[in-house]
């Protein structure tokens, strides 16, 4: 991330959509996010791994109805990075 807020981790189109969706909620289940984005499990997993490795994502595993489910949430660092990135995009185009 640059000092001005542009974040190459977030800027990739799918990751930008993921962050935009997650910033408005506390958490979402993996399948719901996948369906919203209209991508495959592997594509979503790849982008989530990048966000997780950057320290922007909390991945929560829960057993529900006897099955393991994965829930996702932007953490404080992720929210801050996303909002800074959006601010920088507005500055660039404004």
PDB file of N, CA and C in Angstrom:
ATOM      1  N   UNK A   1       0.849  -1.173   0.000  1.00  0.00           N
ATOM      2  CA  UNK A   1       0.000   0.000   0.000  1.00  0.00           C
ATOM      3  C   UNK A   1       0.894   1.235   0.000  1.00  0.00           C
ATOM      4  N   UNK A   2       0.507   2.225  -0.779  1.00  0.00           N
ATOM      5  CA  UNK A   2       1.282   3.454  -0.787  1.00  0.00           C
ATOM      6  C   UNK A   2       0.867   4.333   0.377  1.00  0.00           C
ATOM      7  N   UNK A   3       1.638   5.343   0.626  1.00  0.00           N
ATOM      8  CA  UNK A   3       1.319   6.244   1.721  1.00  0.00           C
ATOM      9  C   UNK A   3       0.038   7.018   1.457  1.00  0.00           C
ATOM     10  N   UNK A   4      -0.376   7.116   0.202  1.00  0.00           N
ATOM     11  CA  UNK A   4      -1.597   7.847  -0.135  1.00  0.00           C
ATOM     12  C   UNK A   4      -2.845   6.980  -0.045  1.00  0.00           C
ATOM     13  N   UNK A   5      -2.715   5.700   0.153  1.00  0.00           N
ATOM     14  CA  UNK A   5      -3.883   4.860   0.352  1.00  0.00           C
ATOM     15  C   UNK A   5      -4.176   3.882  -0.757  1.00  0.00           C
ATOM     16  N   UNK A   6      -3.568   4.033  -1.940  1.00  0.00           N
ATOM     17  CA  UNK A   6      -3.822   3.074  -3.014  1.00  0.00           C
ATOM     18  C   UNK A   6      -3.271   1.723  -2.587  1.00  0.00           C
ATOM     19  N   UNK A   7      -4.101   0.701  -2.660  1.00  0.00           N
ATOM     20  CA  UNK A   7      -3.736  -0.623  -2.157  1.00  0.00           C
ATOM     21  C   UNK A   7      -3.866  -1.641  -3.282  1.00  0.00           C
ATOM     22  N   UNK A   8      -2.741  -2.128  -3.786  1.00  0.00           N
ATOM     23  CA  UNK A   8      -2.756  -3.082  -4.890  1.00  0.00           C
ATOM     24  C   UNK A   8      -3.393  -4.406  -4.515  1.00  0.00           C
ATOM     25  N   UNK A   9      -3.366  -4.774  -3.244  1.00  0.00           N
ATOM     26  CA  UNK A   9      -4.028  -6.011  -2.805  1.00  0.00           C
ATOM     27  C   UNK A   9      -5.531  -5.879  -3.010  1.00  0.00           C
ATOM     28  N   UNK A  10      -6.089  -4.767  -2.623  1.00  0.00           N
ATOM     29  CA  UNK A  10      -7.530  -4.555  -2.723  1.00  0.00           C
ATOM     30  C   UNK A  10      -7.951  -4.212  -4.149  1.00  0.00           C
ATOM     31  N   UNK A  11      -7.098  -3.584  -4.924  1.00  0.00           N
ATOM     32  CA  UNK A  11      -7.488  -3.024  -6.217  1.00  0.00           C
ATOM     33  C   UNK A  11      -7.928  -4.058  -7.254  1.00  0.00           C
ATOM     34  N   UNK A  12      -7.468  -5.277  -7.188  1.00  0.00           N
ATOM     35  CA  UNK A  12      -7.901  -6.304  -8.149  1.00  0.00           C
ATOM     36  C   UNK A  12      -9.428  -6.373  -8.142  1.00  0.00           C
ATOM     37  N   UNK A  13     -10.073  -6.400  -9.317  1.00  0.00           N
ATOM     38  CA  UNK A  13     -11.530  -6.286  -9.383  1.00  0.00           C
ATOM     39  C   UNK A  13     -12.317  -7.200  -8.442  1.00  0.00           C
ATOM     40  N   UNK A  14     -11.986  -8.474  -8.395  1.00  0.00           N
ATOM     41  CA  UNK A  14     -12.731  -9.375  -7.502  1.00  0.00           C
ATOM     42  C   UNK A  14     -12.499  -9.032  -6.031  1.00  0.00           C
ATOM     43  N   UNK A  15     -11.267  -8.685  -5.684  1.00  0.00           N
ATOM     44  CA  UNK A  15     -11.000  -8.339  -4.282  1.00  0.00           C
ATOM     45  C   UNK A  15     -11.653  -7.021  -3.902  1.00  0.00           C
ATOM     46  N   UNK A  16     -11.716  -6.089  -4.835  1.00  0.00           N
ATOM     47  CA  UNK A  16     -12.404  -4.832  -4.579  1.00  0.00           C
ATOM     48  C   UNK A  16     -13.890  -5.083  -4.331  1.00  0.00           C
ATOM     49  N   UNK A  17     -14.500  -5.953  -5.129  1.00  0.00           N
ATOM     50  CA  UNK A  17     -15.902  -6.318  -4.915  1.00  0.00           C
ATOM     51  C   UNK A  17     -16.101  -7.021  -3.579  1.00  0.00           C
ATOM     52  N   UNK A  18     -15.205  -7.919  -3.230  1.00  0.00           N
ATOM     53  CA  UNK A  18     -15.291  -8.635  -1.953  1.00  0.00           C
ATOM     54  C   UNK A  18     -15.264  -7.636  -0.804  1.00  0.00           C
ATOM     55  N   UNK A  19     -14.304  -6.728  -0.833  1.00  0.00           N
ATOM     56  CA  UNK A  19     -14.189  -5.743   0.244  1.00  0.00           C
ATOM     57  C   UNK A  19     -15.405  -4.826   0.287  1.00  0.00           C
ATOM     58  N   UNK A  20     -15.877  -4.398  -0.875  1.00  0.00           N
ATOM     59  CA  UNK A  20     -17.043  -3.516  -0.927  1.00  0.00           C
ATOM     60  C   UNK A  20     -18.263  -4.197  -0.317  1.00  0.00           C
ATOM     61  N   UNK A  21     -18.402  -5.460  -0.558  1.00  0.00           N
ATOM     62  CA  UNK A  21     -19.533  -6.214  -0.016  1.00  0.00           C
ATOM     63  C   UNK A  21     -19.364  -6.442   1.483  1.00  0.00           C
ATOM     64  N   UNK A  22     -18.168  -6.832   1.890  1.00  0.00           N
ATOM     65  CA  UNK A  22     -17.934  -7.161   3.301  1.00  0.00           C
ATOM     66  C   UNK A  22     -17.929  -5.939   4.213  1.00  0.00           C
ATOM     67  N   UNK A  23     -17.555  -4.778   3.699  1.00  0.00           N
ATOM     68  CA  UNK A  23     -17.443  -3.600   4.550  1.00  0.00           C
ATOM     69  C   UNK A  23     -18.801  -3.198   5.128  1.00  0.00           C
ATOM     70  N   UNK A  24     -19.872  -3.579   4.470  1.00  0.00           N
ATOM     71  CA  UNK A  24     -21.202  -3.176   4.924  1.00  0.00           C
ATOM     72  C   UNK A  24     -21.848  -4.165   5.882  1.00  0.00           C
ATOM     73  N   UNK A  25     -21.156  -5.228   6.230  1.00  0.00           N
ATOM     74  CA  UNK A  25     -21.745  -6.236   7.119  1.00  0.00           C
ATOM     75  C   UNK A  25     -20.720  -6.775   8.102  1.00  0.00           C
ATOM     76  N   UNK A  26     -21.217  -7.428   9.125  1.00  0.00           N
ATOM     77  CA  UNK A  26     -20.288  -7.967  10.117  1.00  0.00           C
ATOM     78  C   UNK A  26     -19.593  -9.225   9.604  1.00  0.00           C
ATOM     79  N   UNK A  27     -20.326 -10.094   8.897  1.00  0.00           N
ATOM     80  CA  UNK A  27     -19.726 -11.293   8.327  1.00  0.00           C
ATOM     81  C   UNK A  27     -20.688 -11.893   7.312  1.00  0.00           C
ATOM     82  N   UNK A  28     -20.144 -12.781   6.468  1.00  0.00           N
ATOM     83  CA  UNK A  28     -20.963 -13.464   5.471  1.00  0.00           C
ATOM     84  C   UNK A  28     -20.415 -14.877   5.283  1.00  0.00           C
ATOM     85  N   UNK A  29     -21.293 -15.781   4.966  1.00  0.00           N
ATOM     86  CA  UNK A  29     -20.896 -17.166   4.733  1.00  0.00           C
ATOM     87  C   UNK A  29     -20.288 -17.281   3.335  1.00  0.00           C
ATOM     88  N   UNK A  30     -19.291 -18.122   3.191  1.00  0.00           N
ATOM     89  CA  UNK A  30     -18.538 -18.294   1.950  1.00  0.00           C
ATOM     90  C   UNK A  30     -19.457 -18.481   0.748  1.00  0.00           C
ATOM     91  N   UNK A  31     -20.423 -19.388   0.859  1.00  0.00           N
ATOM     92  CA  UNK A  31     -21.301 -19.686  -0.286  1.00  0.00           C
ATOM     93  C   UNK A  31     -22.112 -18.471  -0.720  1.00  0.00           C
ATOM     94  N   UNK A  32     -22.574 -17.698   0.242  1.00  0.00           N
ATOM     95  CA  UNK A  32     -23.358 -16.504  -0.099  1.00  0.00           C
ATOM     96  C   UNK A  32     -22.505 -15.487  -0.849  1.00  0.00           C
ATOM     97  N   UNK A  33     -21.271 -15.309  -0.413  1.00  0.00           N
ATOM     98  CA  UNK A  33     -20.367 -14.389  -1.098  1.00  0.00           C
ATOM     99  C   UNK A  33     -20.043 -14.905  -2.494  1.00  0.00           C
ATOM    100  N   UNK A  34     -19.792 -16.185  -2.610  1.00  0.00           N
ATOM    101  CA  UNK A  34     -19.507 -16.799  -3.917  1.00  0.00           C
ATOM    102  C   UNK A  34     -20.668 -16.569  -4.883  1.00  0.00           C
ATOM    103  N   UNK A  35     -21.886 -16.812  -4.400  1.00  0.00           N
ATOM    104  CA  UNK A  35     -23.062 -16.637  -5.254  1.00  0.00           C
ATOM    105  C   UNK A  35     -23.262 -15.178  -5.634  1.00  0.00           C
ATOM    106  N   UNK A  36     -23.038 -14.275  -4.694  1.00  0.00           N
ATOM    107  CA  UNK A  36     -23.174 -12.847  -4.976  1.00  0.00           C
ATOM    108  C   UNK A  36     -22.212 -12.420  -6.078  1.00  0.00           C
ATOM    109  N   UNK A  37     -20.967 -12.887  -5.999  1.00  0.00           N
ATOM    110  CA  UNK A  37     -19.954 -12.509  -6.975  1.00  0.00           C
ATOM    111  C   UNK A  37     -20.080 -13.274  -8.293  1.00  0.00           C
ATOM    112  N   UNK A  38     -20.737 -14.436  -8.250  1.00  0.00           N
ATOM    113  CA  UNK A  38     -20.878 -15.256  -9.452  1.00  0.00           C
ATOM    114  C   UNK A  38     -19.576 -15.873  -9.906  1.00  0.00           C
ATOM    115  N   UNK A  39     -18.771 -16.310  -8.932  1.00  0.00           N
ATOM    116  CA  UNK A  39     -17.480 -16.939  -9.240  1.00  0.00           C
ATOM    117  C   UNK A  39     -17.456 -18.360  -8.676  1.00  0.00           C
ATOM    118  N   UNK A  40     -16.469 -19.114  -9.078  1.00  0.00           N
ATOM    119  CA  UNK A  40     -16.313 -20.481  -8.579  1.00  0.00           C
ATOM    120  C   UNK A  40     -15.698 -20.469  -7.184  1.00  0.00           C
ATOM    121  N   UNK A  41     -15.795 -21.606  -6.503  1.00  0.00           N
ATOM    122  CA  UNK A  41     -15.163 -21.747  -5.194  1.00  0.00           C
ATOM    123  C   UNK A  41     -13.671 -21.453  -5.266  1.00  0.00           C
ATOM    124  N   UNK A  42     -13.017 -21.973  -6.308  1.00  0.00           N
ATOM    125  CA  UNK A  42     -11.558 -21.813  -6.395  1.00  0.00           C
ATOM    126  C   UNK A  42     -11.169 -20.352  -6.637  1.00  0.00           C
ATOM    127  N   UNK A  43     -11.931 -19.636  -7.457  1.00  0.00           N
ATOM    128  CA  UNK A  43     -11.626 -18.224  -7.703  1.00  0.00           C
ATOM    129  C   UNK A  43     -11.797 -17.425  -6.416  1.00  0.00           C
ATOM    130  N   UNK A  44     -12.908 -17.655  -5.719  1.00  0.00           N
ATOM    131  CA  UNK A  44     -13.133 -16.933  -4.472  1.00  0.00           C
ATOM    132  C   UNK A  44     -12.060 -17.279  -3.450  1.00  0.00           C
ATOM    133  N   UNK A  45     -11.737 -18.545  -3.315  1.00  0.00           N
ATOM    134  CA  UNK A  45     -10.712 -18.975  -2.359  1.00  0.00           C
ATOM    135  C   UNK A  45      -9.371 -18.300  -2.622  1.00  0.00           C
ATOM    136  N   UNK A  46      -9.005 -18.192  -3.887  1.00  0.00           N
ATOM    137  CA  UNK A  46      -7.738 -17.552  -4.264  1.00  0.00           C
ATOM    138  C   UNK A  46      -7.705 -16.096  -3.792  1.00  0.00           C
ATOM    139  N   UNK A  47      -8.778 -15.372  -4.031  1.00  0.00           N
ATOM    140  CA  UNK A  47      -8.811 -13.958  -3.648  1.00  0.00           C
ATOM    141  C   UNK A  47      -8.901 -13.787  -2.130  1.00  0.00           C
ATOM    142  N   UNK A  48      -9.624 -14.669  -1.480  1.00  0.00           N
ATOM    143  CA  UNK A  48      -9.714 -14.601  -0.021  1.00  0.00           C
ATOM    144  C   UNK A  48      -8.359 -14.887   0.619  1.00  0.00           C
ATOM    145  N   UNK A  49      -7.609 -15.793   0.030  1.00  0.00           N
ATOM    146  CA  UNK A  49      -6.277 -16.107   0.553  1.00  0.00           C
ATOM    147  C   UNK A  49      -5.369 -14.875   0.495  1.00  0.00           C
ATOM    148  N   UNK A  50      -5.435 -14.121  -0.593  1.00  0.00           N
ATOM    149  CA  UNK A  50      -4.620 -12.912  -0.726  1.00  0.00           C
ATOM    150  C   UNK A  50      -5.014 -11.886   0.337  1.00  0.00           C
ATOM    151  N   UNK A  51      -6.324 -11.694   0.523  1.00  0.00           N
ATOM    152  CA  UNK A  51      -6.793 -10.748   1.545  1.00  0.00           C
ATOM    153  C   UNK A  51      -6.407 -11.209   2.948  1.00  0.00           C
ATOM    154  N   UNK A  52      -6.504 -12.514   3.174  1.00  0.00           N
ATOM    155  CA  UNK A  52      -6.140 -13.070   4.478  1.00  0.00           C
ATOM    156  C   UNK A  52      -4.649 -12.902   4.748  1.00  0.00           C
ATOM    157  N   UNK A  53      -3.824 -13.186   3.756  1.00  0.00           N
ATOM    158  CA  UNK A  53      -2.374 -13.053   3.919  1.00  0.00           C
ATOM    159  C   UNK A  53      -1.956 -11.598   4.126  1.00  0.00           C
ATOM    160  N   UNK A  54      -2.746 -10.666   3.606  1.00  0.00           N
ATOM    161  CA  UNK A  54      -2.462  -9.244   3.805  1.00  0.00           C
ATOM    162  C   UNK A  54      -2.905  -8.780   5.190  1.00  0.00           C
ATOM    163  N   UNK A  55      -3.615  -9.653   5.910  1.00  0.00           N
ATOM    164  CA  UNK A  55      -4.071  -9.311   7.248  1.00  0.00           C
ATOM    165  C   UNK A  55      -5.377  -8.539   7.267  1.00  0.00           C
ATOM    166  N   UNK A  56      -6.148  -8.614   6.178  1.00  0.00           N
ATOM    167  CA  UNK A  56      -7.378  -7.844   6.049  1.00  0.00           C
ATOM    168  C   UNK A  56      -8.648  -8.636   6.370  1.00  0.00           C
ATOM    169  N   UNK A  57      -8.532  -9.928   6.507  1.00  0.00           N
ATOM    170  CA  UNK A  57      -9.710 -10.781   6.576  1.00  0.00           C
ATOM    171  C   UNK A  57      -9.666 -11.686   7.797  1.00  0.00           C
ATOM    172  N   UNK A  58     -10.824 -11.867   8.406  1.00  0.00           N
ATOM    173  CA  UNK A  58     -10.978 -12.890   9.435  1.00  0.00           C
ATOM    174  C   UNK A  58     -11.761 -14.033   8.823  1.00  0.00           C
ATOM    175  N   UNK A  59     -11.226 -15.233   8.943  1.00  0.00           N
ATOM    176  CA  UNK A  59     -11.883 -16.435   8.436  1.00  0.00           C
ATOM    177  C   UNK A  59     -12.312 -17.246   9.649  1.00  0.00           C
ATOM    178  N   UNK A  60     -13.619 -17.474   9.759  1.00  0.00           N
ATOM    179  CA  UNK A  60     -14.182 -18.150  10.923  1.00  0.00           C
ATOM    180  C   UNK A  60     -14.824 -19.449  10.474  1.00  0.00           C
ATOM    181  N   UNK A  61     -14.420 -20.551  11.079  1.00  0.00           N
ATOM    182  CA  UNK A  61     -15.000 -21.860  10.760  1.00  0.00           C
ATOM    183  C   UNK A  61     -15.987 -22.217  11.861  1.00  0.00           C
ATOM    184  N   UNK A  62     -17.200 -22.601  11.458  1.00  0.00           N
ATOM    185  CA  UNK A  62     -18.233 -23.004  12.411  1.00  0.00           C
ATOM    186  C   UNK A  62     -18.929 -24.255  11.905  1.00  0.00           C
ATOM    187  N   UNK A  63     -19.310 -25.089  12.852  1.00  0.00           N
ATOM    188  CA  UNK A  63     -20.132 -26.245  12.512  1.00  0.00           C
ATOM    189  C   UNK A  63     -21.594 -25.822  12.626  1.00  0.00           C
ATOM    190  N   UNK A  64     -22.347 -26.019  11.534  1.00  0.00           N
ATOM    191  CA  UNK A  64     -23.766 -25.704  11.513  1.00  0.00           C
ATOM    192  C   UNK A  64     -24.502 -26.860  10.865  1.00  0.00           C
ATOM    193  N   UNK A  65     -25.498 -27.355  11.567  1.00  0.00           N
ATOM    194  CA  UNK A  65     -26.282 -28.493  11.067  1.00  0.00           C
ATOM    195  C   UNK A  65     -25.384 -29.669  10.687  1.00  0.00           C
ATOM    196  N   UNK A  66     -24.361 -29.891  11.493  1.00  0.00           N
ATOM    197  CA  UNK A  66     -23.453 -31.009  11.271  1.00  0.00           C
ATOM    198  C   UNK A  66     -22.439 -30.809  10.162  1.00  0.00           C
ATOM    199  N   UNK A  67     -22.389 -29.627   9.580  1.00  0.00           N
ATOM    200  CA  UNK A  67     -21.437 -29.354   8.500  1.00  0.00           C
ATOM    201  C   UNK A  67     -20.563 -28.167   8.860  1.00  0.00           C
ATOM    202  N   UNK A  68     -19.338 -28.228   8.394  1.00  0.00           N
ATOM    203  CA  UNK A  68     -18.403 -27.128   8.606  1.00  0.00           C
ATOM    204  C   UNK A  68     -18.718 -26.012   7.621  1.00  0.00           C
ATOM    205  N   UNK A  69     -18.865 -24.798   8.120  1.00  0.00           N
ATOM    206  CA  UNK A  69     -19.136 -23.627   7.287  1.00  0.00           C
ATOM    207  C   UNK A  69     -18.033 -22.593   7.515  1.00  0.00           C
ATOM    208  N   UNK A  70     -17.736 -21.854   6.473  1.00  0.00           N
ATOM    209  CA  UNK A  70     -16.718 -20.812   6.549  1.00  0.00           C
ATOM    210  C   UNK A  70     -17.397 -19.459   6.456  1.00  0.00           C
ATOM    211  N   UNK A  71     -17.125 -18.618   7.445  1.00  0.00           N
ATOM    212  CA  UNK A  71     -17.655 -17.257   7.499  1.00  0.00           C
ATOM    213  C   UNK A  71     -16.500 -16.298   7.333  1.00  0.00           C
ATOM    214  N   UNK A  72     -16.772 -15.164   6.705  1.00  0.00           N
ATOM    215  CA  UNK A  72     -15.732 -14.207   6.374  1.00  0.00           C
ATOM    216  C   UNK A  72     -16.114 -12.825   6.868  1.00  0.00           C
ATOM    217  N   UNK A  73     -15.118 -12.080   7.311  1.00  0.00           N
ATOM    218  CA  UNK A  73     -15.353 -10.713   7.774  1.00  0.00           C
ATOM    219  C   UNK A  73     -14.098  -9.893   7.525  1.00  0.00           C
ATOM    220  N   UNK A  74     -14.301  -8.645   7.110  1.00  0.00           N
ATOM    221  CA  UNK A  74     -13.171  -7.719   7.068  1.00  0.00           C
ATOM    222  C   UNK A  74     -12.848  -7.343   8.500  1.00  0.00           C
ATOM    223  N   UNK A  75     -11.590  -7.421   8.870  1.00  0.00           N
ATOM    224  CA  UNK A  75     -11.205  -6.985  10.207  1.00  0.00           C
ATOM    225  C   UNK A  75     -10.916  -5.484  10.182  1.00  0.00           C
ATOM    226  N   UNK A  76     -10.488  -4.955  11.292  1.00  0.00           N
ATOM    227  CA  UNK A  76     -10.246  -3.511  11.398  1.00  0.00           C
ATOM    228  C   UNK A  76      -9.235  -3.031  10.351  1.00  0.00           C
ATOM    229  N   UNK A  77      -8.151  -3.775  10.185  1.00  0.00           N
ATOM    230  CA  UNK A  77      -7.140  -3.385   9.194  1.00  0.00           C
ATOM    231  C   UNK A  77      -7.709  -3.433   7.775  1.00  0.00           C
ATOM    232  N   UNK A  78      -8.521  -4.436   7.504  1.00  0.00           N
ATOM    233  CA  UNK A  78      -9.131  -4.561   6.187  1.00  0.00           C
ATOM    234  C   UNK A  78     -10.095  -3.425   5.890  1.00  0.00           C
ATOM    235  N   UNK A  79     -10.912  -3.077   6.868  1.00  0.00           N
ATOM    236  CA  UNK A  79     -11.852  -1.957   6.689  1.00  0.00           C
ATOM    237  C   UNK A  79     -11.097  -0.645   6.453  1.00  0.00           C
ATOM    238  N   UNK A  80     -10.062  -0.436   7.245  1.00  0.00           N
ATOM    239  CA  UNK A  80      -9.270   0.791   7.106  1.00  0.00           C
ATOM    240  C   UNK A  80      -8.601   0.842   5.734  1.00  0.00           C
ATOM    241  N   UNK A  81      -8.012  -0.268   5.304  1.00  0.00           N
ATOM    242  CA  UNK A  81      -7.338  -0.307   4.005  1.00  0.00           C
ATOM    243  C   UNK A  81      -8.338  -0.086   2.873  1.00  0.00           C
ATOM    244  N   UNK A  82      -9.507  -0.702   2.970  1.00  0.00           N
ATOM    245  CA  UNK A  82     -10.525  -0.521   1.933  1.00  0.00           C
ATOM    246  C   UNK A  82     -10.982   0.934   1.864  1.00  0.00           C
ATOM    247  N   UNK A  83     -11.303   1.511   2.992  1.00  0.00           N
ATOM    248  CA  UNK A  83     -11.777   2.902   3.003  1.00  0.00           C
ATOM    249  C   UNK A  83     -10.703   3.869   2.511  1.00  0.00           C
ATOM    250  N   UNK A  84      -9.444   3.625   2.871  1.00  0.00           N
ATOM    251  CA  UNK A  84      -8.343   4.451   2.364  1.00  0.00           C
ATOM    252  C   UNK A  84      -8.191   4.292   0.853  1.00  0.00           C
ATOM    253  N   UNK A  85      -8.349   3.057   0.376  1.00  0.00           N
ATOM    254  CA  UNK A  85      -8.241   2.791  -1.058  1.00  0.00           C
ATOM    255  C   UNK A  85      -9.351   3.517  -1.821  1.00  0.00           C
ATOM    256  N   UNK A  86     -10.573   3.439  -1.331  1.00  0.00           N
ATOM    257  CA  UNK A  86     -11.701   4.129  -1.971  1.00  0.00           C
ATOM    258  C   UNK A  86     -11.467   5.641  -1.972  1.00  0.00           C
ATOM    259  N   UNK A  87     -10.991   6.162  -0.862  1.00  0.00           N
ATOM    260  CA  UNK A  87     -10.689   7.593  -0.778  1.00  0.00           C
ATOM    261  C   UNK A  87      -9.649   7.981  -1.827  1.00  0.00           C
ATOM    262  N   UNK A  88      -8.628   7.151  -1.983  1.00  0.00           N
ATOM    263  CA  UNK A  88      -7.587   7.435  -2.966  1.00  0.00           C
ATOM    264  C   UNK A  88      -8.130   7.334  -4.394  1.00  0.00           C
ATOM    265  N   UNK A  89      -8.990   6.381  -4.664  1.00  0.00           N
ATOM    266  CA  UNK A  89      -9.592   6.280  -6.005  1.00  0.00           C
ATOM    267  C   UNK A  89     -10.422   7.525  -6.315  1.00  0.00           C
ATOM    268  N   UNK A  90     -11.153   7.998  -5.338  1.00  0.00           N
ATOM    269  CA  UNK A  90     -11.954   9.220  -5.527  1.00  0.00           C
ATOM    270  C   UNK A  90     -11.048  10.426  -5.787  1.00  0.00           C
ATOM    271  N   UNK A  91      -9.918  10.469  -5.096  1.00  0.00           N
ATOM    272  CA  UNK A  91      -8.976  11.563  -5.312  1.00  0.00           C
ATOM    273  C   UNK A  91      -8.404  11.512  -6.713  1.00  0.00           C
ATOM    274  N   UNK A  92      -8.080  10.309  -7.176  1.00  0.00           N
ATOM    275  CA  UNK A  92      -7.484  10.134  -8.504  1.00  0.00           C
ATOM    276  C   UNK A  92      -8.469  10.551  -9.599  1.00  0.00           C
ATOM    277  N   UNK A  93      -9.700  10.146  -9.494  1.00  0.00           N
ATOM    278  CA  UNK A  93     -10.680  10.434 -10.550  1.00  0.00           C
ATOM    279  C   UNK A  93     -11.371  11.772 -10.365  1.00  0.00           C
ATOM    280  N   UNK A  94     -11.277  12.360  -9.175  1.00  0.00           N
ATOM    281  CA  UNK A  94     -11.980  13.606  -8.883  1.00  0.00           C
ATOM    282  C   UNK A  94     -11.256  14.787  -9.390  1.00  0.00           C
TER     283      UNK A  94
END
